[in-house]
Amino acid sequence: MSRFAVLVFALTAMVGPAIRYATWPPSRFERATSARVEGFVYDLVFYLWPTQPLAALAPRDGRLVAFLVSVGGNVLLFALIGFIVGAVASRRGGLSIAYGAFCGLLLVFALWGAGYRVEYLGVIPLLLAVLFYGLPFLLVATHAGRHVG
């Protein structure tokens, strides 16, 4: 069971980088869309790719290394989350508690990204991320033969 959860969450980790890749380079994307759409995508990618700031740690090593470090870090982070989720999936209510804890951590991360100022919080991208992150939990629940809850 745990291998399935690790795989599902590791694949989930690729969505944020895929969105960023689809909107790269940012300058061209900004010219093709409105500031509102660009801000929405920026916030969504921030929520779906929490290790993206790791790319700033390796600027002298080049873009490719920075990209690999930040994407690899995201895959490792989500694989670890998948391992934990897989471990609690067989317990009654385990997935609901894990999902709630995950969403709580995501909210803290989002508030940190907004400088702990609610007025700078991207609420709609955050809600979309919360719904999106429900999918791997639901897949794990379905695979475990249980419903979340």
Protein backbone atom coordinates (compact mmCIF):
# COMPACT_ATOMS: atom_id res chain seq x y z
CA MET A 1 0.00 0.00 0.00
CA SER A 2 2.73 2.42 0.91
CA ARG A 3 4.46 2.07 -2.48
CA PHE A 4 1.28 3.10 -4.26
CA ALA A 5 0.89 6.18 -2.03
CA VAL A 6 4.54 7.16 -2.54
CA LEU A 7 4.15 6.86 -6.31
CA VAL A 8 0.90 8.84 -6.40
CA PHE A 9 2.31 11.66 -4.30
CA ALA A 10 5.63 11.71 -6.18
CA LEU A 11 3.69 12.14 -9.43
CA THR A 12 1.59 14.86 -7.80
CA ALA A 13 4.82 16.73 -7.10
CA MET A 14 5.34 17.22 -10.83
CA VAL A 15 2.19 19.30 -11.41
CA GLY A 16 3.59 22.59 -10.07
CA PRO A 17 6.78 22.36 -12.16
CA ALA A 18 4.71 21.36 -15.21
CA ILE A 19 2.53 24.47 -14.84
CA ARG A 20 5.63 26.65 -14.45
CA TYR A 21 7.21 25.04 -17.51
CA ALA A 22 4.04 25.68 -19.52
CA THR A 23 4.15 29.36 -18.56
CA TRP A 24 7.90 29.84 -19.10
CA PRO A 25 9.41 32.30 -19.60
CA PRO A 26 7.45 34.45 -17.18
CA SER A 27 8.02 37.62 -19.20
CA ARG A 28 6.32 36.14 -22.29
CA PHE A 29 3.48 34.76 -20.16
CA GLU A 30 2.99 38.16 -18.51
CA ARG A 31 2.69 39.85 -21.91
CA ALA A 32 0.18 37.25 -23.11
CA THR A 33 -2.12 37.47 -20.07
CA SER A 34 -3.40 39.94 -17.54
CA ALA A 35 -1.66 40.72 -14.27
CA ARG A 36 -4.53 39.00 -12.48
CA VAL A 37 -4.03 35.72 -14.37
CA GLU A 38 -0.26 35.92 -13.91
CA GLY A 39 -0.72 36.45 -10.16
CA PHE A 40 -3.13 33.52 -9.98
CA VAL A 41 -0.67 31.21 -11.75
CA TYR A 42 2.22 32.46 -9.61
CA ASP A 43 0.31 31.70 -6.40
CA LEU A 44 -0.91 28.33 -7.66
CA VAL A 45 2.61 27.25 -8.62
CA PHE A 46 3.86 28.49 -5.24
CA TYR A 47 1.32 26.24 -3.48
CA LEU A 48 1.91 23.23 -5.74
CA TRP A 49 5.71 23.49 -5.80
CA PRO A 50 6.72 24.38 -2.25
CA THR A 51 10.40 23.57 -2.83
CA GLN A 52 10.71 26.00 -5.74
CA PRO A 53 12.66 28.47 -3.53
CA LEU A 54 15.45 25.87 -3.36
CA ALA A 55 16.35 26.96 -6.89
CA ALA A 56 17.63 30.21 -5.39
CA LEU A 57 20.23 28.26 -3.42
CA ALA A 58 22.08 27.13 -6.54
CA PRO A 59 22.17 30.14 -8.91
CA ARG A 60 25.89 29.90 -9.63
CA ASP A 61 25.51 26.25 -10.68
CA GLY A 62 23.17 27.22 -13.48
CA ARG A 63 19.49 27.02 -14.24
CA LEU A 64 19.45 23.29 -14.93
CA VAL A 65 21.00 22.41 -11.56
CA ALA A 66 18.71 24.82 -9.75
CA PHE A 67 15.70 23.34 -11.53
CA LEU A 68 16.77 19.77 -10.76
CA VAL A 69 17.38 20.59 -7.09
CA SER A 70 14.00 22.26 -6.66
CA VAL A 71 12.04 19.63 -8.63
CA GLY A 72 13.95 16.77 -7.03
CA GLY A 73 13.31 18.30 -3.61
CA ASN A 74 9.60 18.52 -4.41
CA VAL A 75 9.46 14.88 -5.50
CA LEU A 76 11.29 13.79 -2.33
CA LEU A 77 9.02 15.91 -0.13
CA PHE A 78 5.88 14.52 -1.70
CA ALA A 79 7.23 10.96 -1.69
CA LEU A 80 7.77 11.35 2.07
CA ILE A 81 4.23 12.66 2.45
CA GLY A 82 3.01 9.68 0.39
CA PHE A 83 4.91 7.32 2.67
CA ILE A 84 3.26 8.85 5.74
CA VAL A 85 -0.17 8.83 4.09
CA GLY A 86 0.31 5.19 3.04
CA ALA A 87 1.22 4.29 6.61
CA VAL A 88 -1.95 5.83 8.07
CA ALA A 89 -4.30 4.80 5.24
CA SER A 90 -5.33 1.56 6.92
CA ARG A 91 -6.31 3.27 10.18
CA ARG A 92 -9.86 4.43 10.63
CA GLY A 93 -9.96 8.16 9.98
CA GLY A 94 -6.23 8.19 9.24
CA LEU A 95 -6.58 9.69 5.78
CA SER A 96 -8.98 12.38 6.97
CA ILE A 97 -6.60 13.38 9.74
CA ALA A 98 -3.61 13.30 7.38
CA TYR A 99 -5.45 15.42 4.81
CA GLY A 100 -6.51 17.91 7.48
CA ALA A 101 -2.95 18.15 8.78
CA PHE A 102 -1.65 18.56 5.23
CA CYS A 103 -4.13 21.36 4.50
CA GLY A 104 -3.19 23.02 7.79
CA LEU A 105 0.49 22.94 6.84
CA LEU A 106 -0.39 24.27 3.39
CA LEU A 107 -2.24 27.17 5.00
CA VAL A 108 0.77 27.98 7.20
CA PHE A 109 3.01 27.83 4.11
CA ALA A 110 0.62 30.10 2.21
CA LEU A 111 0.54 32.59 5.07
CA TRP A 112 4.33 32.53 5.23
CA GLY A 113 4.46 33.24 1.51
CA ALA A 114 2.09 36.17 2.03
CA GLY A 115 4.26 37.61 4.79
CA TYR A 116 1.63 36.50 7.35
CA ARG A 117 -0.71 39.14 5.95
CA VAL A 118 -4.09 37.76 4.97
CA GLU A 119 -4.68 40.53 2.45
CA TYR A 120 -1.78 39.18 0.34
CA LEU A 121 -3.00 35.59 0.50
CA GLY A 122 -4.02 34.12 -2.85
CA VAL A 123 -7.26 32.59 -1.58
CA ILE A 124 -8.64 31.18 -4.84
CA PRO A 125 -5.36 29.51 -5.87
CA LEU A 126 -5.08 28.18 -2.30
CA LEU A 127 -8.57 26.69 -2.45
CA LEU A 128 -7.79 25.17 -5.84
CA ALA A 129 -4.58 23.68 -4.41
CA VAL A 130 -6.50 22.24 -1.45
CA LEU A 131 -8.98 20.62 -3.84
CA PHE A 132 -6.20 19.39 -6.10
CA TYR A 133 -4.30 17.85 -3.18
CA GLY A 134 -7.47 16.00 -2.25
CA LEU A 135 -7.02 13.89 -5.40
CA PRO A 136 -3.96 11.91 -4.28
CA PHE A 137 -5.59 11.34 -0.90
CA LEU A 138 -8.72 10.10 -2.67
CA LEU A 139 -6.66 7.80 -4.92
CA VAL A 140 -4.91 6.32 -1.90
CA ALA A 141 -8.25 5.90 -0.11
CA THR A 142 -9.74 4.18 -3.14
CA HIS A 143 -6.72 1.93 -3.48
CA ALA A 144 -6.96 1.07 0.22
CA GLY A 145 -10.60 0.07 -0.32
CA ARG A 146 -11.83 2.77 2.01
CA HIS A 147 -13.55 6.08 1.75
CA VAL A 148 -11.97 9.12 3.30
CA GLY A 149 -13.50 9.64 6.69
